[in-house]
């Protein structure tokens, strides 16, 4: 009788401890923070490649502004390229953390090349009409790079 009582008591205590342990694990489960999510993207090779280029362009722009005004063609071109780079960097920040493995150096280089082509396209579009062969070729090049980027990002 005492053995049966001890076994039942032990079973109850063990069951309570087991349930309490599960509940504690559920309650203390950490919730991911948005900042932590962005950290995986910001530390990716693709983001680093874009940030490096943006920093170099900003440095070049600052040195140009010592000698030239905002209206200088090179200053305008640099500002445009920096703006386009920022668009691509913001695009990377929308990638879900579980897909951050896709943000490779190759993707960063594809995005850089696309930005360079878009900058050239803007310059051509300022000189020629949209149906000009050079403008059409530049648009097509941008489309090809954008297609490759979408293939990687999904």
N, C-alpha and C. Protein backbone atom coordinates (compact mmCIF):
# COMPACT_ATOMS: atom_id res chain seq x y z
N UNK A 1 0.82 -1.18 0.00
CA UNK A 1 0.00 0.00 0.00
C UNK A 1 0.87 1.25 0.00
N UNK A 2 1.90 1.27 0.83
CA UNK A 2 2.80 2.42 0.90
C UNK A 2 3.57 2.55 -0.42
N UNK A 3 3.94 1.41 -1.01
CA UNK A 3 4.66 1.44 -2.28
C UNK A 3 3.77 2.05 -3.36
N UNK A 4 2.49 1.65 -3.37
CA UNK A 4 1.55 2.19 -4.35
C UNK A 4 1.40 3.69 -4.15
N UNK A 5 1.29 4.14 -2.90
CA UNK A 5 1.16 5.56 -2.60
C UNK A 5 2.39 6.33 -3.07
N UNK A 6 3.57 5.78 -2.83
CA UNK A 6 4.81 6.42 -3.25
C UNK A 6 4.91 6.50 -4.77
N UNK A 7 4.50 5.43 -5.45
CA UNK A 7 4.54 5.43 -6.90
C UNK A 7 3.58 6.46 -7.49
N UNK A 8 2.38 6.55 -6.95
CA UNK A 8 1.40 7.53 -7.43
C UNK A 8 1.90 8.95 -7.16
N UNK A 9 2.45 9.19 -5.97
CA UNK A 9 2.97 10.51 -5.63
C UNK A 9 4.13 10.89 -6.54
N UNK A 10 5.00 9.94 -6.79
CA UNK A 10 6.15 10.19 -7.67
C UNK A 10 5.68 10.50 -9.09
N UNK A 11 4.68 9.77 -9.55
CA UNK A 11 4.14 9.99 -10.89
C UNK A 11 3.52 11.38 -11.00
N UNK A 12 2.78 11.79 -9.98
CA UNK A 12 2.14 13.11 -9.98
C UNK A 12 3.21 14.20 -9.98
N UNK A 13 4.20 14.05 -9.11
CA UNK A 13 5.27 15.06 -9.04
C UNK A 13 6.06 15.12 -10.35
N UNK A 14 6.34 13.97 -10.92
CA UNK A 14 7.06 13.92 -12.18
C UNK A 14 6.25 14.56 -13.31
N UNK A 15 4.96 14.25 -13.34
CA UNK A 15 4.07 14.84 -14.35
C UNK A 15 3.97 16.34 -14.20
N UNK A 16 3.89 16.81 -12.97
CA UNK A 16 3.82 18.25 -12.72
C UNK A 16 5.11 18.93 -13.16
N UNK A 17 6.23 18.33 -12.82
CA UNK A 17 7.52 18.90 -13.21
C UNK A 17 7.66 18.93 -14.73
N UNK A 18 7.21 17.88 -15.38
CA UNK A 18 7.29 17.81 -16.84
C UNK A 18 6.44 18.90 -17.47
N UNK A 19 5.20 19.04 -16.99
CA UNK A 19 4.30 20.06 -17.53
C UNK A 19 4.84 21.45 -17.25
N UNK A 20 5.35 21.68 -16.05
CA UNK A 20 5.90 22.98 -15.70
C UNK A 20 7.10 23.31 -16.59
N UNK A 21 7.92 22.32 -16.85
CA UNK A 21 9.09 22.51 -17.71
C UNK A 21 8.68 22.89 -19.13
N UNK A 22 7.65 22.25 -19.66
CA UNK A 22 7.18 22.59 -21.00
C UNK A 22 6.59 23.99 -21.02
N UNK A 23 5.82 24.32 -20.04
CA UNK A 23 5.20 25.63 -20.00
C UNK A 23 6.25 26.73 -19.87
N UNK A 24 7.26 26.49 -19.05
CA UNK A 24 8.33 27.46 -18.88
C UNK A 24 9.05 27.68 -20.21
N UNK A 25 9.28 26.60 -20.93
CA UNK A 25 9.97 26.72 -22.21
C UNK A 25 9.14 27.55 -23.19
N UNK A 26 7.82 27.37 -23.14
CA UNK A 26 6.96 28.11 -24.04
C UNK A 26 6.92 29.58 -23.66
N UNK A 27 6.89 29.88 -22.41
CA UNK A 27 6.78 31.26 -21.96
C UNK A 27 8.08 32.02 -22.20
N UNK A 28 9.21 31.38 -21.97
CA UNK A 28 10.48 32.09 -22.08
C UNK A 28 11.07 32.05 -23.50
N UNK A 29 10.35 31.55 -24.44
CA UNK A 29 10.83 31.49 -25.81
C UNK A 29 11.06 32.91 -26.34
N UNK A 30 12.27 33.22 -26.78
CA UNK A 30 12.55 34.59 -27.22
C UNK A 30 11.85 34.90 -28.54
N UNK A 31 11.43 36.13 -28.68
CA UNK A 31 10.82 36.57 -29.93
C UNK A 31 11.88 37.32 -30.72
N UNK A 32 11.95 37.03 -32.01
CA UNK A 32 12.97 37.69 -32.82
C UNK A 32 12.70 39.19 -32.92
N UNK A 33 13.75 39.97 -32.88
CA UNK A 33 13.59 41.42 -33.00
C UNK A 33 13.86 41.83 -34.43
N UNK A 34 13.17 42.87 -34.91
CA UNK A 34 13.41 43.34 -36.27
C UNK A 34 14.86 43.75 -36.49
N UNK A 35 15.50 44.29 -35.48
CA UNK A 35 16.89 44.70 -35.60
C UNK A 35 17.78 43.49 -35.85
N UNK A 36 17.52 42.40 -35.15
CA UNK A 36 18.29 41.18 -35.35
C UNK A 36 18.08 40.62 -36.73
N UNK A 37 16.86 40.75 -37.26
CA UNK A 37 16.56 40.29 -38.60
C UNK A 37 17.37 41.06 -39.64
N UNK A 38 17.44 42.37 -39.47
CA UNK A 38 18.18 43.20 -40.41
C UNK A 38 19.68 42.95 -40.32
N UNK A 39 20.14 42.53 -39.15
CA UNK A 39 21.57 42.30 -38.97
C UNK A 39 22.08 41.20 -39.90
N UNK A 40 21.28 40.16 -40.12
CA UNK A 40 21.73 39.09 -41.01
C UNK A 40 21.86 39.59 -42.44
N UNK A 41 21.02 40.54 -42.83
CA UNK A 41 21.11 41.12 -44.17
C UNK A 41 22.28 42.10 -44.24
N UNK A 42 22.40 42.94 -43.22
CA UNK A 42 23.47 43.95 -43.22
C UNK A 42 24.86 43.33 -43.15
N UNK A 43 24.96 42.13 -42.64
CA UNK A 43 26.26 41.47 -42.56
C UNK A 43 26.51 40.55 -43.76
N UNK A 44 25.63 40.58 -44.74
CA UNK A 44 25.78 39.72 -45.92
C UNK A 44 26.81 40.29 -46.89
N UNK A 45 27.43 39.43 -47.69
CA UNK A 45 28.40 39.90 -48.69
C UNK A 45 27.79 40.86 -49.72
N UNK A 46 26.55 40.62 -50.12
CA UNK A 46 25.91 41.49 -51.12
C UNK A 46 25.74 42.90 -50.57
N UNK A 47 25.23 43.00 -49.35
CA UNK A 47 25.01 44.31 -48.74
C UNK A 47 26.35 45.02 -48.54
N UNK A 48 27.36 44.28 -48.10
CA UNK A 48 28.69 44.86 -47.88
C UNK A 48 29.27 45.41 -49.18
N UNK A 49 29.07 44.69 -50.26
CA UNK A 49 29.58 45.13 -51.57
C UNK A 49 28.92 46.45 -51.99
N UNK A 50 27.60 46.54 -51.80
CA UNK A 50 26.89 47.77 -52.14
C UNK A 50 27.30 48.92 -51.23
N UNK A 51 27.45 48.63 -49.95
CA UNK A 51 27.85 49.66 -48.99
C UNK A 51 29.26 50.18 -49.30
N UNK A 52 30.16 49.29 -49.66
CA UNK A 52 31.51 49.69 -50.03
C UNK A 52 31.48 50.66 -51.22
N UNK A 53 30.73 50.30 -52.24
CA UNK A 53 30.64 51.15 -53.43
C UNK A 53 30.00 52.49 -53.09
N UNK A 54 28.95 52.47 -52.30
CA UNK A 54 28.27 53.71 -51.92
C UNK A 54 29.23 54.62 -51.15
N UNK A 55 30.01 54.04 -50.24
CA UNK A 55 30.96 54.81 -49.46
C UNK A 55 32.04 55.43 -50.36
N UNK A 56 32.53 54.65 -51.31
CA UNK A 56 33.53 55.17 -52.24
C UNK A 56 32.96 56.31 -53.09
N UNK A 57 31.72 56.15 -53.54
CA UNK A 57 31.09 57.20 -54.34
C UNK A 57 30.86 58.47 -53.51
N UNK A 58 30.43 58.29 -52.27
CA UNK A 58 30.22 59.45 -51.41
C UNK A 58 31.53 60.19 -51.14
N UNK A 59 32.61 59.44 -50.97
CA UNK A 59 33.92 60.04 -50.76
C UNK A 59 34.35 60.83 -52.00
N UNK A 60 34.16 60.24 -53.16
CA UNK A 60 34.48 60.92 -54.42
C UNK A 60 33.63 62.17 -54.58
N UNK A 61 32.36 62.06 -54.26
CA UNK A 61 31.46 63.21 -54.37
C UNK A 61 31.93 64.36 -53.47
N UNK A 62 32.29 64.03 -52.25
CA UNK A 62 32.76 65.06 -51.32
C UNK A 62 34.00 65.77 -51.87
N UNK A 63 34.89 65.02 -52.47
CA UNK A 63 36.10 65.66 -53.03
C UNK A 63 35.75 66.52 -54.25
N UNK A 64 34.78 66.10 -55.04
CA UNK A 64 34.35 66.90 -56.19
C UNK A 64 33.69 68.19 -55.74
N UNK A 65 32.93 68.13 -54.65
CA UNK A 65 32.20 69.31 -54.19
C UNK A 65 33.13 70.42 -53.68
N UNK A 66 34.37 70.08 -53.42
CA UNK A 66 35.35 71.10 -53.04
C UNK A 66 35.62 72.03 -54.22
N UNK A 67 35.64 71.47 -55.43
CA UNK A 67 35.99 72.24 -56.62
C UNK A 67 34.81 72.56 -57.54
N UNK A 68 33.73 71.81 -57.43
CA UNK A 68 32.64 71.96 -58.39
C UNK A 68 31.31 72.23 -57.67
N UNK A 69 30.36 72.75 -58.44
CA UNK A 69 29.02 73.02 -57.88
C UNK A 69 28.12 71.80 -58.07
N UNK A 70 26.94 71.89 -57.51
CA UNK A 70 25.94 70.82 -57.65
C UNK A 70 25.51 70.63 -59.10
N UNK A 71 25.70 71.63 -59.92
CA UNK A 71 25.27 71.57 -61.31
C UNK A 71 26.28 70.88 -62.24
N UNK A 72 27.44 70.59 -61.73
CA UNK A 72 28.46 69.93 -62.55
C UNK A 72 27.96 68.54 -62.95
N UNK A 73 28.14 68.15 -64.21
CA UNK A 73 27.63 66.84 -64.68
C UNK A 73 28.15 65.65 -63.86
N UNK A 74 29.40 65.68 -63.46
CA UNK A 74 29.95 64.56 -62.69
C UNK A 74 29.31 64.50 -61.30
N UNK A 75 29.04 65.64 -60.70
CA UNK A 75 28.38 65.68 -59.39
C UNK A 75 26.97 65.10 -59.52
N UNK A 76 26.27 65.50 -60.57
CA UNK A 76 24.92 64.97 -60.80
C UNK A 76 24.96 63.46 -61.01
N UNK A 77 25.92 62.99 -61.77
CA UNK A 77 26.05 61.56 -62.04
C UNK A 77 26.33 60.78 -60.76
N UNK A 78 27.23 61.30 -59.94
CA UNK A 78 27.55 60.63 -58.67
C UNK A 78 26.34 60.58 -57.75
N UNK A 79 25.61 61.69 -57.67
CA UNK A 79 24.40 61.71 -56.83
C UNK A 79 23.37 60.70 -57.33
N UNK A 80 23.23 60.60 -58.63
CA UNK A 80 22.30 59.65 -59.21
C UNK A 80 22.70 58.21 -58.90
N UNK A 81 23.98 57.92 -59.04
CA UNK A 81 24.47 56.56 -58.77
C UNK A 81 24.31 56.20 -57.29
N UNK A 82 24.56 57.15 -56.42
CA UNK A 82 24.37 56.92 -54.98
C UNK A 82 22.91 56.65 -54.67
N UNK A 83 22.03 57.42 -55.31
CA UNK A 83 20.58 57.22 -55.11
C UNK A 83 20.16 55.82 -55.57
N UNK A 84 20.64 55.40 -56.74
CA UNK A 84 20.29 54.08 -57.26
C UNK A 84 20.86 52.96 -56.38
N UNK A 85 22.05 53.17 -55.85
CA UNK A 85 22.65 52.19 -54.93
C UNK A 85 21.79 52.06 -53.67
N UNK A 86 21.32 53.19 -53.16
CA UNK A 86 20.49 53.17 -51.96
C UNK A 86 19.19 52.40 -52.20
N UNK A 87 18.64 52.53 -53.39
CA UNK A 87 17.43 51.78 -53.75
C UNK A 87 17.71 50.28 -53.66
N UNK A 88 18.84 49.85 -54.20
CA UNK A 88 19.19 48.43 -54.16
C UNK A 88 19.48 47.96 -52.73
N UNK A 89 20.12 48.81 -51.93
CA UNK A 89 20.39 48.45 -50.53
C UNK A 89 19.07 48.30 -49.76
N UNK A 90 18.14 49.21 -50.01
CA UNK A 90 16.83 49.11 -49.37
C UNK A 90 16.11 47.84 -49.81
N UNK A 91 16.30 47.48 -51.05
CA UNK A 91 15.71 46.24 -51.59
C UNK A 91 16.24 45.03 -50.82
N UNK A 92 17.53 45.02 -50.55
CA UNK A 92 18.11 43.91 -49.80
C UNK A 92 17.55 43.84 -48.38
N UNK A 93 17.26 45.00 -47.80
CA UNK A 93 16.75 45.02 -46.42
C UNK A 93 15.34 44.43 -46.31
N UNK A 94 14.67 44.22 -47.44
CA UNK A 94 13.34 43.61 -47.42
C UNK A 94 13.41 42.08 -47.49
N UNK A 95 14.61 41.55 -47.70
CA UNK A 95 14.78 40.09 -47.78
C UNK A 95 14.58 39.50 -46.39
N UNK A 96 13.82 38.41 -46.33
CA UNK A 96 13.59 37.74 -45.05
C UNK A 96 14.88 37.11 -44.55
N UNK A 97 15.08 37.11 -43.22
CA UNK A 97 16.33 36.58 -42.66
C UNK A 97 16.61 35.14 -43.08
N UNK A 98 15.56 34.33 -43.23
CA UNK A 98 15.80 32.94 -43.61
C UNK A 98 16.31 32.82 -45.05
N UNK A 99 16.18 33.90 -45.84
CA UNK A 99 16.69 33.90 -47.22
C UNK A 99 18.01 34.67 -47.34
N UNK A 100 18.61 35.03 -46.22
CA UNK A 100 19.83 35.84 -46.27
C UNK A 100 21.00 35.07 -46.89
N UNK A 101 20.91 33.77 -46.98
CA UNK A 101 21.95 32.98 -47.65
C UNK A 101 22.05 33.27 -49.14
N UNK A 102 21.01 33.84 -49.69
CA UNK A 102 21.01 34.21 -51.11
C UNK A 102 21.81 35.48 -51.39
N UNK A 103 22.12 36.22 -50.35
CA UNK A 103 22.76 37.53 -50.50
C UNK A 103 24.28 37.38 -50.62
N UNK A 104 24.69 36.79 -51.71
CA UNK A 104 26.09 36.47 -51.93
C UNK A 104 26.85 37.64 -52.56
N UNK A 105 28.15 37.49 -52.62
CA UNK A 105 28.99 38.49 -53.27
C UNK A 105 28.61 38.62 -54.75
N UNK A 106 28.29 37.51 -55.39
CA UNK A 106 27.90 37.54 -56.80
C UNK A 106 26.64 38.39 -56.99
N UNK A 107 25.68 38.25 -56.08
CA UNK A 107 24.46 39.07 -56.16
C UNK A 107 24.82 40.54 -56.00
N UNK A 108 25.70 40.85 -55.06
CA UNK A 108 26.13 42.23 -54.87
C UNK A 108 26.76 42.80 -56.12
N UNK A 109 27.58 41.99 -56.79
CA UNK A 109 28.24 42.44 -58.02
C UNK A 109 27.22 42.63 -59.15
N UNK A 110 26.23 41.75 -59.22
CA UNK A 110 25.16 41.92 -60.21
C UNK A 110 24.42 43.24 -59.97
N UNK A 111 24.14 43.51 -58.70
CA UNK A 111 23.42 44.75 -58.37
C UNK A 111 24.26 45.98 -58.67
N UNK A 112 25.55 45.90 -58.40
CA UNK A 112 26.45 47.02 -58.72
C UNK A 112 26.47 47.29 -60.22
N UNK A 113 26.59 46.23 -60.98
CA UNK A 113 26.62 46.39 -62.44
C UNK A 113 25.31 46.96 -62.95
N UNK A 114 24.21 46.52 -62.38
CA UNK A 114 22.90 47.05 -62.78
C UNK A 114 22.82 48.55 -62.48
N UNK A 115 23.32 48.96 -61.33
CA UNK A 115 23.31 50.39 -60.97
C UNK A 115 24.16 51.19 -61.96
N UNK A 116 25.32 50.66 -62.32
CA UNK A 116 26.17 51.34 -63.31
C UNK A 116 25.44 51.49 -64.64
N UNK A 117 24.77 50.43 -65.06
CA UNK A 117 24.02 50.48 -66.32
C UNK A 117 22.84 51.45 -66.24
N UNK A 118 22.17 51.48 -65.09
CA UNK A 118 21.06 52.42 -64.92
C UNK A 118 21.56 53.87 -64.95
N UNK A 119 22.73 54.09 -64.39
CA UNK A 119 23.31 55.43 -64.43
C UNK A 119 23.63 55.84 -65.87
N UNK A 120 24.19 54.91 -66.63
CA UNK A 120 24.46 55.17 -68.05
C UNK A 120 23.16 55.41 -68.81
N UNK A 121 22.15 54.62 -68.49
CA UNK A 121 20.85 54.77 -69.14
C UNK A 121 20.26 56.16 -68.87
N UNK A 122 20.35 56.63 -67.63
CA UNK A 122 19.84 57.96 -67.31
C UNK A 122 20.57 59.03 -68.11
N UNK A 123 21.87 58.88 -68.27
CA UNK A 123 22.65 59.86 -69.05
C UNK A 123 22.24 59.82 -70.52
N UNK A 124 22.05 58.63 -71.06
CA UNK A 124 21.62 58.50 -72.45
C UNK A 124 20.21 59.04 -72.65
N UNK A 125 19.34 58.75 -71.71
CA UNK A 125 17.95 59.21 -71.80
C UNK A 125 17.86 60.73 -71.74
N UNK A 126 18.82 61.36 -71.06
CA UNK A 126 18.84 62.82 -71.01
C UNK A 126 19.26 63.42 -72.35
N UNK A 127 20.02 62.66 -73.15
CA UNK A 127 20.51 63.14 -74.44
C UNK A 127 19.62 62.77 -75.61
N UNK A 128 19.03 61.55 -75.54
CA UNK A 128 18.30 61.02 -76.68
C UNK A 128 16.87 60.66 -76.29
N UNK A 129 16.07 60.44 -77.32
CA UNK A 129 14.69 59.99 -77.10
C UNK A 129 14.69 58.50 -76.76
N UNK A 130 13.57 58.04 -76.20
CA UNK A 130 13.46 56.64 -75.78
C UNK A 130 13.61 55.64 -76.92
N UNK A 131 13.29 56.04 -78.14
CA UNK A 131 13.38 55.10 -79.26
C UNK A 131 14.76 55.09 -79.92
N UNK A 132 15.69 55.84 -79.39
CA UNK A 132 17.05 55.85 -79.92
C UNK A 132 17.69 54.47 -79.66
N UNK A 133 18.44 53.95 -80.63
CA UNK A 133 19.03 52.61 -80.47
C UNK A 133 19.91 52.46 -79.22
N UNK A 134 20.69 53.48 -78.90
CA UNK A 134 21.56 53.40 -77.71
C UNK A 134 20.73 53.32 -76.43
N UNK A 135 19.64 54.05 -76.39
CA UNK A 135 18.76 54.02 -75.20
C UNK A 135 18.10 52.65 -75.10
N UNK A 136 17.63 52.12 -76.22
CA UNK A 136 17.00 50.80 -76.21
C UNK A 136 17.98 49.72 -75.78
N UNK A 137 19.22 49.78 -76.26
CA UNK A 137 20.24 48.80 -75.87
C UNK A 137 20.54 48.89 -74.37
N UNK A 138 20.64 50.10 -73.87
CA UNK A 138 20.93 50.29 -72.45
C UNK A 138 19.78 49.76 -71.59
N UNK A 139 18.55 50.01 -72.03
CA UNK A 139 17.38 49.49 -71.29
C UNK A 139 17.40 47.97 -71.26
N UNK A 140 17.74 47.38 -72.37
CA UNK A 140 17.77 45.91 -72.45
C UNK A 140 18.83 45.34 -71.52
N UNK A 141 19.99 45.98 -71.46
CA UNK A 141 21.04 45.52 -70.55
C UNK A 141 20.57 45.57 -69.10
N UNK A 142 19.91 46.66 -68.74
CA UNK A 142 19.38 46.79 -67.38
C UNK A 142 18.37 45.68 -67.10
N UNK A 143 17.51 45.40 -68.06
CA UNK A 143 16.50 44.35 -67.90
C UNK A 143 17.14 42.98 -67.69
N UNK A 144 18.22 42.71 -68.41
CA UNK A 144 18.90 41.41 -68.28
C UNK A 144 19.46 41.26 -66.86
N UNK A 145 20.09 42.29 -66.35
CA UNK A 145 20.64 42.23 -64.99
C UNK A 145 19.53 42.14 -63.95
N UNK A 146 18.46 42.89 -64.17
CA UNK A 146 17.33 42.82 -63.23
C UNK A 146 16.73 41.42 -63.21
N UNK A 147 16.65 40.80 -64.35
CA UNK A 147 16.13 39.43 -64.43
C UNK A 147 17.00 38.46 -63.64
N UNK A 148 18.30 38.60 -63.75
CA UNK A 148 19.23 37.73 -63.01
C UNK A 148 19.09 37.96 -61.51
N UNK A 149 18.93 39.21 -61.11
CA UNK A 149 18.77 39.53 -59.68
C UNK A 149 17.48 38.92 -59.15
N UNK A 150 16.40 39.05 -59.91
CA UNK A 150 15.12 38.47 -59.48
C UNK A 150 15.20 36.96 -59.39
N UNK A 151 15.94 36.35 -60.30
CA UNK A 151 16.11 34.88 -60.25
C UNK A 151 16.76 34.44 -58.94
N UNK A 152 17.73 35.21 -58.49
CA UNK A 152 18.41 34.87 -57.25
C UNK A 152 17.53 35.17 -56.04
N UNK A 153 16.91 36.32 -56.02
CA UNK A 153 16.11 36.73 -54.87
C UNK A 153 14.77 36.01 -54.79
N UNK A 154 14.32 35.51 -55.91
CA UNK A 154 13.07 34.77 -55.91
C UNK A 154 11.85 35.58 -56.02
